[in-house]
Amino acid sequence: MLVKDDNGQTAWHLAAQHGYEEILEKIWVWDRKVQLTQEDDLLLVKNKDGQTAWHDATRCVYKEILEHLWVWARDMHLNPKYDLLLSKNRYR
């Protein structure tokens, strides 16, 4: 699930970027079954520009995707404000 293409994009990034809510949900369920460590958490994985799925969904204005990501971050005991909203990429 964390396999990246030449741009460092995962299937998770692409689902968020294109607004594929059902695919994002399915990947989330699979990821929870595999029980990856927090450092490999889908919510925090970055592409080569340092962008997360949150960045992708925000740039493309997918409100439903953003809501899912926010709830999942909270459920994983991450700090959505810090880990999602204030996450830095190479542009800021």
PDB file of N, CA and C in Angstrom:
ATOM      1  N   MET A   1       0.812  -1.195   0.000  1.00  0.00           N
ATOM      2  CA  MET A   1       0.000   0.000   0.000  1.00  0.00           C
ATOM      3  C   MET A   1       0.851   1.252   0.000  1.00  0.00           C
ATOM      4  N   LEU A   2       2.086   1.118   0.405  1.00  0.00           N
ATOM      5  CA  LEU A   2       2.956   2.289   0.432  1.00  0.00           C
ATOM      6  C   LEU A   2       3.916   2.323  -0.754  1.00  0.00           C
ATOM      7  N   VAL A   3       3.665   1.487  -1.749  1.00  0.00           N
ATOM      8  CA  VAL A   3       4.487   1.512  -2.958  1.00  0.00           C
ATOM      9  C   VAL A   3       4.278   2.852  -3.646  1.00  0.00           C
ATOM     10  N   LYS A   4       5.385   3.459  -4.061  1.00  0.00           N
ATOM     11  CA  LYS A   4       5.323   4.795  -4.660  1.00  0.00           C
ATOM     12  C   LYS A   4       5.733   4.763  -6.128  1.00  0.00           C
ATOM     13  N   ASP A   5       5.133   5.669  -6.898  1.00  0.00           N
ATOM     14  CA  ASP A   5       5.525   5.814  -8.296  1.00  0.00           C
ATOM     15  C   ASP A   5       6.728   6.757  -8.377  1.00  0.00           C
ATOM     16  N   ASP A   6       7.115   7.167  -9.576  1.00  0.00           N
ATOM     17  CA  ASP A   6       8.287   8.028  -9.756  1.00  0.00           C
ATOM     18  C   ASP A   6       8.147   9.385  -9.075  1.00  0.00           C
ATOM     19  N   ASN A   7       6.917   9.804  -8.815  1.00  0.00           N
ATOM     20  CA  ASN A   7       6.671  11.079  -8.136  1.00  0.00           C
ATOM     21  C   ASN A   7       6.468  10.909  -6.633  1.00  0.00           C
ATOM     22  N   GLY A   8       6.653   9.684  -6.157  1.00  0.00           N
ATOM     23  CA  GLY A   8       6.477   9.420  -4.742  1.00  0.00           C
ATOM     24  C   GLY A   8       5.021   9.306  -4.336  1.00  0.00           C
ATOM     25  N   GLN A   9       4.137   9.178  -5.317  1.00  0.00           N
ATOM     26  CA  GLN A   9       2.705   9.075  -5.050  1.00  0.00           C
ATOM     27  C   GLN A   9       2.340   7.620  -4.775  1.00  0.00           C
ATOM     28  N   THR A  10       1.494   7.422  -3.768  1.00  0.00           N
ATOM     29  CA  THR A  10       0.946   6.097  -3.487  1.00  0.00           C
ATOM     30  C   THR A  10      -0.480   6.046  -4.015  1.00  0.00           C
ATOM     31  N   ALA A  11      -1.083   4.868  -3.991  1.00  0.00           N
ATOM     32  CA  ALA A  11      -2.501   4.744  -4.368  1.00  0.00           C
ATOM     33  C   ALA A  11      -3.349   5.624  -3.453  1.00  0.00           C
ATOM     34  N   TRP A  12      -2.935   5.752  -2.209  1.00  0.00           N
ATOM     35  CA  TRP A  12      -3.616   6.606  -1.225  1.00  0.00           C
ATOM     36  C   TRP A  12      -3.624   8.056  -1.701  1.00  0.00           C
ATOM     37  N   HIS A  13      -2.463   8.562  -2.125  1.00  0.00           N
ATOM     38  CA  HIS A  13      -2.366   9.931  -2.644  1.00  0.00           C
ATOM     39  C   HIS A  13      -3.294  10.111  -3.853  1.00  0.00           C
ATOM     40  N   LEU A  14      -3.221   9.169  -4.766  1.00  0.00           N
ATOM     41  CA  LEU A  14      -3.989   9.294  -6.005  1.00  0.00           C
ATOM     42  C   LEU A  14      -5.488   9.249  -5.755  1.00  0.00           C
ATOM     43  N   ALA A  15      -5.923   8.401  -4.827  1.00  0.00           N
ATOM     44  CA  ALA A  15      -7.353   8.350  -4.497  1.00  0.00           C
ATOM     45  C   ALA A  15      -7.809   9.687  -3.915  1.00  0.00           C
ATOM     46  N   ALA A  16      -7.011  10.275  -3.041  1.00  0.00           N
ATOM     47  CA  ALA A  16      -7.353  11.578  -2.455  1.00  0.00           C
ATOM     48  C   ALA A  16      -7.324  12.669  -3.515  1.00  0.00           C
ATOM     49  N   GLN A  17      -6.327  12.631  -4.368  1.00  0.00           N
ATOM     50  CA  GLN A  17      -6.152  13.653  -5.401  1.00  0.00           C
ATOM     51  C   GLN A  17      -7.293  13.669  -6.411  1.00  0.00           C
ATOM     52  N   HIS A  18      -7.861  12.503  -6.686  1.00  0.00           N
ATOM     53  CA  HIS A  18      -8.917  12.406  -7.694  1.00  0.00           C
ATOM     54  C   HIS A  18     -10.315  12.272  -7.095  1.00  0.00           C
ATOM     55  N   GLY A  19     -10.391  12.336  -5.771  1.00  0.00           N
ATOM     56  CA  GLY A  19     -11.695  12.317  -5.114  1.00  0.00           C
ATOM     57  C   GLY A  19     -12.377  10.969  -5.093  1.00  0.00           C
ATOM     58  N   TYR A  20     -11.597   9.897  -5.153  1.00  0.00           N
ATOM     59  CA  TYR A  20     -12.164   8.548  -5.157  1.00  0.00           C
ATOM     60  C   TYR A  20     -12.406   8.080  -3.717  1.00  0.00           C
ATOM     61  N   GLU A  21     -13.523   8.516  -3.176  1.00  0.00           N
ATOM     62  CA  GLU A  21     -13.846   8.271  -1.775  1.00  0.00           C
ATOM     63  C   GLU A  21     -13.925   6.783  -1.430  1.00  0.00           C
ATOM     64  N   GLU A  22     -14.588   5.993  -2.268  1.00  0.00           N
ATOM     65  CA  GLU A  22     -14.723   4.553  -1.991  1.00  0.00           C
ATOM     66  C   GLU A  22     -13.371   3.841  -1.994  1.00  0.00           C
ATOM     67  N   ILE A  23     -12.515   4.229  -2.914  1.00  0.00           N
ATOM     68  CA  ILE A  23     -11.180   3.617  -2.986  1.00  0.00           C
ATOM     69  C   ILE A  23     -10.368   4.015  -1.757  1.00  0.00           C
ATOM     70  N   LEU A  24     -10.452   5.272  -1.371  1.00  0.00           N
ATOM     71  CA  LEU A  24      -9.754   5.738  -0.179  1.00  0.00           C
ATOM     72  C   LEU A  24     -10.207   4.950   1.051  1.00  0.00           C
ATOM     73  N   GLU A  25     -11.502   4.758   1.182  1.00  0.00           N
ATOM     74  CA  GLU A  25     -12.040   3.991   2.313  1.00  0.00           C
ATOM     75  C   GLU A  25     -11.551   2.547   2.295  1.00  0.00           C
ATOM     76  N   LYS A  26     -11.532   1.935   1.124  1.00  0.00           N
ATOM     77  CA  LYS A  26     -11.081   0.539   1.001  1.00  0.00           C
ATOM     78  C   LYS A  26      -9.603   0.421   1.367  1.00  0.00           C
ATOM     79  N   ILE A  27      -8.783   1.325   0.889  1.00  0.00           N
ATOM     80  CA  ILE A  27      -7.354   1.307   1.223  1.00  0.00           C
ATOM     81  C   ILE A  27      -7.179   1.479   2.730  1.00  0.00           C
ATOM     82  N   TRP A  28      -7.992   2.348   3.327  1.00  0.00           N
ATOM     83  CA  TRP A  28      -7.920   2.577   4.774  1.00  0.00           C
ATOM     84  C   TRP A  28      -8.219   1.269   5.530  1.00  0.00           C
ATOM     85  N   VAL A  29      -9.268   0.562   5.127  1.00  0.00           N
ATOM     86  CA  VAL A  29      -9.633  -0.702   5.782  1.00  0.00           C
ATOM     87  C   VAL A  29      -8.506  -1.718   5.641  1.00  0.00           C
ATOM     88  N   TRP A  30      -7.947  -1.830   4.459  1.00  0.00           N
ATOM     89  CA  TRP A  30      -6.844  -2.773   4.245  1.00  0.00           C
ATOM     90  C   TRP A  30      -5.645  -2.394   5.112  1.00  0.00           C
ATOM     91  N   ASP A  31      -5.346  -1.111   5.166  1.00  0.00           N
ATOM     92  CA  ASP A  31      -4.206  -0.646   5.950  1.00  0.00           C
ATOM     93  C   ASP A  31      -4.389  -0.979   7.425  1.00  0.00           C
ATOM     94  N   ARG A  32      -5.583  -0.802   7.945  1.00  0.00           N
ATOM     95  CA  ARG A  32      -5.842  -1.101   9.365  1.00  0.00           C
ATOM     96  C   ARG A  32      -5.698  -2.592   9.630  1.00  0.00           C
ATOM     97  N   LYS A  33      -6.028  -3.439   8.658  1.00  0.00           N
ATOM     98  CA  LYS A  33      -5.872  -4.888   8.832  1.00  0.00           C
ATOM     99  C   LYS A  33      -4.403  -5.274   8.889  1.00  0.00           C
ATOM    100  N   VAL A  34      -3.582  -4.601   8.107  1.00  0.00           N
ATOM    101  CA  VAL A  34      -2.153  -4.886   8.061  1.00  0.00           C
ATOM    102  C   VAL A  34      -1.460  -4.353   9.311  1.00  0.00           C
ATOM    103  N   GLN A  35      -2.034  -3.330   9.938  1.00  0.00           N
ATOM    104  CA  GLN A  35      -1.506  -2.734  11.166  1.00  0.00           C
ATOM    105  C   GLN A  35      -0.084  -2.206  10.976  1.00  0.00           C
ATOM    106  N   LEU A  36       0.094  -1.311  10.040  1.00  0.00           N
ATOM    107  CA  LEU A  36       1.396  -0.694   9.841  1.00  0.00           C
ATOM    108  C   LEU A  36       1.747   0.163  11.050  1.00  0.00           C
ATOM    109  N   THR A  37       3.016   0.441  11.216  1.00  0.00           N
ATOM    110  CA  THR A  37       3.437   1.303  12.313  1.00  0.00           C
ATOM    111  C   THR A  37       3.016   2.733  12.031  1.00  0.00           C
ATOM    112  N   GLN A  38       3.021   3.564  13.068  1.00  0.00           N
ATOM    113  CA  GLN A  38       2.595   4.948  12.883  1.00  0.00           C
ATOM    114  C   GLN A  38       3.500   5.688  11.904  1.00  0.00           C
ATOM    115  N   GLU A  39       4.784   5.365  11.885  1.00  0.00           N
ATOM    116  CA  GLU A  39       5.675   6.067  10.963  1.00  0.00           C
ATOM    117  C   GLU A  39       5.348   5.741   9.508  1.00  0.00           C
ATOM    118  N   ASP A  40       4.686   4.601   9.280  1.00  0.00           N
ATOM    119  CA  ASP A  40       4.259   4.226   7.938  1.00  0.00           C
ATOM    120  C   ASP A  40       2.780   4.517   7.719  1.00  0.00           C
ATOM    121  N   ASP A  41       2.175   5.260   8.623  1.00  0.00           N
ATOM    122  CA  ASP A  41       0.739   5.505   8.560  1.00  0.00           C
ATOM    123  C   ASP A  41       0.367   6.206   7.264  1.00  0.00           C
ATOM    124  N   LEU A  42      -0.693   5.737   6.645  1.00  0.00           N
ATOM    125  CA  LEU A  42      -1.165   6.333   5.391  1.00  0.00           C
ATOM    126  C   LEU A  42      -1.447   7.822   5.528  1.00  0.00           C
ATOM    127  N   LEU A  43      -1.927   8.231   6.678  1.00  0.00           N
ATOM    128  CA  LEU A  43      -2.271   9.637   6.875  1.00  0.00           C
ATOM    129  C   LEU A  43      -1.047  10.542   6.828  1.00  0.00           C
ATOM    130  N   LEU A  44       0.121   9.979   7.107  1.00  0.00           N
ATOM    131  CA  LEU A  44       1.335  10.785   7.198  1.00  0.00           C
ATOM    132  C   LEU A  44       2.304  10.577   6.045  1.00  0.00           C
ATOM    133  N   VAL A  45       2.055   9.575   5.197  1.00  0.00           N
ATOM    134  CA  VAL A  45       2.994   9.284   4.112  1.00  0.00           C
ATOM    135  C   VAL A  45       3.033  10.453   3.126  1.00  0.00           C
ATOM    136  N   LYS A  46       4.268  10.814   2.731  1.00  0.00           N
ATOM    137  CA  LYS A  46       4.472  11.976   1.855  1.00  0.00           C
ATOM    138  C   LYS A  46       5.053  11.554   0.512  1.00  0.00           C
ATOM    139  N   ASN A  47       4.720  12.324  -0.516  1.00  0.00           N
ATOM    140  CA  ASN A  47       5.308  12.091  -1.833  1.00  0.00           C
ATOM    141  C   ASN A  47       6.658  12.807  -1.902  1.00  0.00           C
ATOM    142  N   LYS A  48       7.285  12.828  -3.064  1.00  0.00           N
ATOM    143  CA  LYS A  48       8.632  13.406  -3.147  1.00  0.00           C
ATOM    144  C   LYS A  48       8.643  14.914  -2.903  1.00  0.00           C
ATOM    145  N   ASP A  49       7.484  15.566  -2.992  1.00  0.00           N
ATOM    146  CA  ASP A  49       7.380  16.993  -2.692  1.00  0.00           C
ATOM    147  C   ASP A  49       6.993  17.239  -1.236  1.00  0.00           C
ATOM    148  N   GLY A  50       6.915  16.170  -0.457  1.00  0.00           N
ATOM    149  CA  GLY A  50       6.575  16.294   0.953  1.00  0.00           C
ATOM    150  C   GLY A  50       5.085  16.485   1.194  1.00  0.00           C
ATOM    151  N   GLN A  51       4.266  16.151   0.217  1.00  0.00           N
ATOM    152  CA  GLN A  51       2.826  16.342   0.345  1.00  0.00           C
ATOM    153  C   GLN A  51       2.133  15.054   0.762  1.00  0.00           C
ATOM    154  N   THR A  52       1.130  15.203   1.611  1.00  0.00           N
ATOM    155  CA  THR A  52       0.321  14.081   2.074  1.00  0.00           C
ATOM    156  C   THR A  52      -0.980  14.042   1.287  1.00  0.00           C
ATOM    157  N   ALA A  53      -1.807  13.045   1.552  1.00  0.00           N
ATOM    158  CA  ALA A  53      -3.133  12.978   0.928  1.00  0.00           C
ATOM    159  C   ALA A  53      -3.958  14.200   1.312  1.00  0.00           C
ATOM    160  N   TRP A  54      -3.721  14.736   2.505  1.00  0.00           N
ATOM    161  CA  TRP A  54      -4.418  15.958   2.942  1.00  0.00           C
ATOM    162  C   TRP A  54      -4.141  17.096   1.968  1.00  0.00           C
ATOM    163  N   HIS A  55      -2.869  17.270   1.585  1.00  0.00           N
ATOM    164  CA  HIS A  55      -2.511  18.305   0.608  1.00  0.00           C
ATOM    165  C   HIS A  55      -3.249  18.084  -0.706  1.00  0.00           C
ATOM    166  N   ASP A  56      -3.259  16.833  -1.163  1.00  0.00           N
ATOM    167  CA  ASP A  56      -3.905  16.513  -2.441  1.00  0.00           C
ATOM    168  C   ASP A  56      -5.401  16.823  -2.405  1.00  0.00           C
ATOM    169  N   ALA A  57      -6.068  16.383  -1.352  1.00  0.00           N
ATOM    170  CA  ALA A  57      -7.513  16.615  -1.244  1.00  0.00           C
ATOM    171  C   ALA A  57      -7.830  18.104  -1.096  1.00  0.00           C
ATOM    172  N   THR A  58      -6.978  18.821  -0.384  1.00  0.00           N
ATOM    173  CA  THR A  58      -7.180  20.264  -0.203  1.00  0.00           C
ATOM    174  C   THR A  58      -7.020  20.994  -1.529  1.00  0.00           C
ATOM    175  N   ARG A  59      -5.955  20.669  -2.244  1.00  0.00           N
ATOM    176  CA  ARG A  59      -5.681  21.327  -3.527  1.00  0.00           C
ATOM    177  C   ARG A  59      -6.823  21.105  -4.513  1.00  0.00           C
ATOM    178  N   CYS A  60      -7.434  19.928  -4.436  1.00  0.00           N
ATOM    179  CA  CYS A  60      -8.506  19.582  -5.377  1.00  0.00           C
ATOM    180  C   CYS A  60      -9.902  19.848  -4.811  1.00  0.00           C
ATOM    181  N   VAL A  61      -9.957  20.386  -3.602  1.00  0.00           N
ATOM    182  CA  VAL A  61     -11.200  20.795  -2.935  1.00  0.00           C
ATOM    183  C   VAL A  61     -12.203  19.639  -2.817  1.00  0.00           C
ATOM    184  N   TYR A  62     -11.759  18.534  -2.226  1.00  0.00           N
ATOM    185  CA  TYR A  62     -12.635  17.389  -1.979  1.00  0.00           C
ATOM    186  C   TYR A  62     -13.013  17.370  -0.502  1.00  0.00           C
ATOM    187  N   LYS A  63     -14.105  18.033  -0.179  1.00  0.00           N
ATOM    188  CA  LYS A  63     -14.545  18.176   1.204  1.00  0.00           C
ATOM    189  C   LYS A  63     -14.767  16.822   1.884  1.00  0.00           C
ATOM    190  N   GLU A  64     -15.420  15.891   1.198  1.00  0.00           N
ATOM    191  CA  GLU A  64     -15.715  14.596   1.801  1.00  0.00           C
ATOM    192  C   GLU A  64     -14.430  13.837   2.138  1.00  0.00           C
ATOM    193  N   ILE A  65     -13.456  13.919   1.261  1.00  0.00           N
ATOM    194  CA  ILE A  65     -12.166  13.263   1.504  1.00  0.00           C
ATOM    195  C   ILE A  65     -11.495  13.892   2.721  1.00  0.00           C
ATOM    196  N   LEU A  66     -11.514  15.210   2.788  1.00  0.00           N
ATOM    197  CA  LEU A  66     -10.912  15.907   3.928  1.00  0.00           C
ATOM    198  C   LEU A  66     -11.586  15.508   5.240  1.00  0.00           C
ATOM    199  N   GLU A  67     -12.898  15.381   5.211  1.00  0.00           N
ATOM    200  CA  GLU A  67     -13.620  14.974   6.421  1.00  0.00           C
ATOM    201  C   GLU A  67     -13.211  13.570   6.865  1.00  0.00           C
ATOM    202  N   HIS A  68     -13.080  12.651   5.913  1.00  0.00           N
ATOM    203  CA  HIS A  68     -12.627  11.289   6.243  1.00  0.00           C
ATOM    204  C   HIS A  68     -11.226  11.328   6.856  1.00  0.00           C
ATOM    205  N   LEU A  69     -10.324  12.042   6.216  1.00  0.00           N
ATOM    206  CA  LEU A  69      -8.951  12.102   6.701  1.00  0.00           C
ATOM    207  C   LEU A  69      -8.892  12.680   8.107  1.00  0.00           C
ATOM    208  N   TRP A  70      -9.696  13.707   8.366  1.00  0.00           N
ATOM    209  CA  TRP A  70      -9.719  14.344   9.687  1.00  0.00           C
ATOM    210  C   TRP A  70     -10.177  13.351  10.758  1.00  0.00           C
ATOM    211  N   VAL A  71     -11.276  12.651  10.481  1.00  0.00           N
ATOM    212  CA  VAL A  71     -11.821  11.688  11.449  1.00  0.00           C
ATOM    213  C   VAL A  71     -10.829  10.551  11.672  1.00  0.00           C
ATOM    214  N   TRP A  72     -10.249  10.031  10.603  1.00  0.00           N
ATOM    215  CA  TRP A  72      -9.294   8.940  10.742  1.00  0.00           C
ATOM    216  C   TRP A  72      -8.071   9.370  11.542  1.00  0.00           C
ATOM    217  N   ALA A  73      -7.595  10.583  11.312  1.00  0.00           N
ATOM    218  CA  ALA A  73      -6.447  11.088  12.086  1.00  0.00           C
ATOM    219  C   ALA A  73      -6.799  11.142  13.566  1.00  0.00           C
ATOM    220  N   ARG A  74      -7.966  11.635  13.877  1.00  0.00           N
ATOM    221  CA  ARG A  74      -8.413  11.714  15.269  1.00  0.00           C
ATOM    222  C   ARG A  74      -8.550  10.309  15.863  1.00  0.00           C
ATOM    223  N   ASP A  75      -9.112   9.379  15.095  1.00  0.00           N
ATOM    224  CA  ASP A  75      -9.274   7.998  15.565  1.00  0.00           C
ATOM    225  C   ASP A  75      -7.930   7.319  15.821  1.00  0.00           C
ATOM    226  N   MET A  76      -6.918   7.715  15.091  1.00  0.00           N
ATOM    227  CA  MET A  76      -5.581   7.136  15.249  1.00  0.00           C
ATOM    228  C   MET A  76      -4.766   7.858  16.322  1.00  0.00           C
ATOM    229  N   HIS A  77      -5.414   8.758  17.027  1.00  0.00           N
ATOM    230  CA  HIS A  77      -4.785   9.538  18.094  1.00  0.00           C
ATOM    231  C   HIS A  77      -3.671  10.434  17.571  1.00  0.00           C
ATOM    232  N   LEU A  78      -3.811  10.840  16.322  1.00  0.00           N
ATOM    233  CA  LEU A  78      -2.925  11.853  15.785  1.00  0.00           C
ATOM    234  C   LEU A  78      -3.537  13.206  16.137  1.00  0.00           C
ATOM    235  N   ASN A  79      -2.776  14.231  15.992  1.00  0.00           N
ATOM    236  CA  ASN A  79      -3.288  15.575  16.210  1.00  0.00           C
ATOM    237  C   ASN A  79      -3.606  16.157  14.840  1.00  0.00           C
ATOM    238  N   PRO A  80      -4.878  16.121  14.409  1.00  0.00           N
ATOM    239  CA  PRO A  80      -5.203  16.593  13.063  1.00  0.00           C
ATOM    240  C   PRO A  80      -4.702  18.006  12.782  1.00  0.00           C
ATOM    241  N   LYS A  81      -4.772  18.866  13.785  1.00  0.00           N
ATOM    242  CA  LYS A  81      -4.318  20.250  13.581  1.00  0.00           C
ATOM    243  C   LYS A  81      -2.834  20.277  13.226  1.00  0.00           C
ATOM    244  N   TYR A  82      -2.033  19.546  13.976  1.00  0.00           N
ATOM    245  CA  TYR A  82      -0.594  19.549  13.737  1.00  0.00           C
ATOM    246  C   TYR A  82      -0.204  18.648  12.573  1.00  0.00           C
ATOM    247  N   ASP A  83      -0.685  17.402  12.592  1.00  0.00           N
ATOM    248  CA  ASP A  83      -0.242  16.409  11.609  1.00  0.00           C
ATOM    249  C   ASP A  83      -0.831  16.614  10.217  1.00  0.00           C
ATOM    250  N   LEU A  84      -2.011  17.221  10.126  1.00  0.00           N
ATOM    251  CA  LEU A  84      -2.630  17.436   8.822  1.00  0.00           C
ATOM    252  C   LEU A  84      -2.565  18.899   8.401  1.00  0.00           C
ATOM    253  N   LEU A  85      -3.116  19.774   9.222  1.00  0.00           N
ATOM    254  CA  LEU A  85      -3.203  21.184   8.833  1.00  0.00           C
ATOM    255  C   LEU A  85      -1.852  21.871   8.742  1.00  0.00           C
ATOM    256  N   LEU A  86      -0.961  21.561   9.662  1.00  0.00           N
ATOM    257  CA  LEU A  86       0.327  22.249   9.706  1.00  0.00           C
ATOM    258  C   LEU A  86       1.466  21.449   9.089  1.00  0.00           C
ATOM    259  N   SER A  87       1.132  20.341   8.447  1.00  0.00           N
ATOM    260  CA  SER A  87       2.144  19.518   7.813  1.00  0.00           C
ATOM    261  C   SER A  87       2.828  20.304   6.698  1.00  0.00           C
ATOM    262  N   LYS A  88       4.136  20.313   6.726  1.00  0.00           N
ATOM    263  CA  LYS A  88       4.901  21.104   5.751  1.00  0.00           C
ATOM    264  C   LYS A  88       5.273  20.236   4.549  1.00  0.00           C
ATOM    265  N   ASN A  89       5.302  20.895   3.393  1.00  0.00           N
ATOM    266  CA  ASN A  89       5.820  20.245   2.193  1.00  0.00           C
ATOM    267  C   ASN A  89       7.016  21.045   1.722  1.00  0.00           C
ATOM    268  N   ARG A  90       7.576  20.714   0.619  1.00  0.00           N
ATOM    269  CA  ARG A  90       8.795  21.410   0.201  1.00  0.00           C
ATOM    270  C   ARG A  90       8.529  22.840  -0.277  1.00  0.00           C
ATOM    271  N   TYR A  91       7.271  23.209  -0.436  1.00  0.00           N
ATOM    272  CA  TYR A  91       6.924  24.552  -0.906  1.00  0.00           C
ATOM    273  C   TYR A  91       6.677  25.528   0.225  1.00  0.00           C
ATOM    274  N   ARG A  92       6.529  25.030   1.473  1.00  0.00           N
ATOM    275  CA  ARG A  92       6.358  25.940   2.607  1.00  0.00           C
ATOM    276  C   ARG A  92       6.938  25.348   3.856  1.00  0.00           C
TER     277      ARG A  92
END
